[in-house]
Amino acid sequence: MEFTSYSYLAFLIFAVALVRRLSGAARESALLGLSLLFYAWWNVGFLALLIAIGIFTFYVAPAVARRRGQLWFLLLPLAAILSTLGLYKYSGLVVEGVNLLLPTASSLRVPAFVLPLGISFFTFECISYLLDVYRGTPELKSLRRFLLLPAFWPHMIAGPILRVKELIPQCINPHRATAAESLQAIDRILFGFLKKSNARRFDWCVRRSSVFWRWLDELVAR
């Protein structure tokens, strides 16, 4: 599901409408379910891989927290997570490099793994979490809440990498957007959609729509 597709716009409208009606654990579960659905829309097969990386990170974090100061206990899970990323992303490059040093008759077969979408951001999000826990950030007690950190769909495949202190407090004490903030969000989403989907018409749309948004903003302010 691409951010510039009409199916994503429909997904986003449904997601916002659903989440605004929920609170607490139900809200977090809905956000996580929607995020997994968003990823599964591309390839449901790789969803299990990302969930496995997330579960591994969640359960190893308490051990990292108990052994702060023992760097090797942090490096082991980091190496395990990075090895998964390296297998899919860099194994072909490594084998090609080795083949340059071997006779043609002894060349190794270059693996052709399909790169899971967003695996770099997902794995580095998990690494960031372990680093935070090692430095003293309390580990999360809820697997649901933790998985939402790397899997949250707006940043899952395109970044940026979020820290625990940036996202999780919003889950605990969600902010109810005002009418003005909602209009600003709609403005940014529509402008971004137009800019990415048809850049040639973007300037024309900006000129025509800016008057409307200013009028609507003033109407809400009253």
Foldseek 3Di string as FASTA:
>chain_A
DDLLDPVVVVLVVVLVVVLVVDADPVNLLSQLVSLLVVLVVVPNVCSVVLLVLLVVLQVLLVVLLVDQVPVVSLVVNLVVLVVVVCVQPPQLVVLVVVQVVDPPVPRDDRDDHDRRALSVLSSVLSSLASVVSSVPDDRDPDSSLSSCQQRRRVARRPDDRDHCVVPSVCRVPPDDDDPLRVLVVVVVSVLVSCCVPPVVCSVVCCVVCVVVSVVVNVVSVD
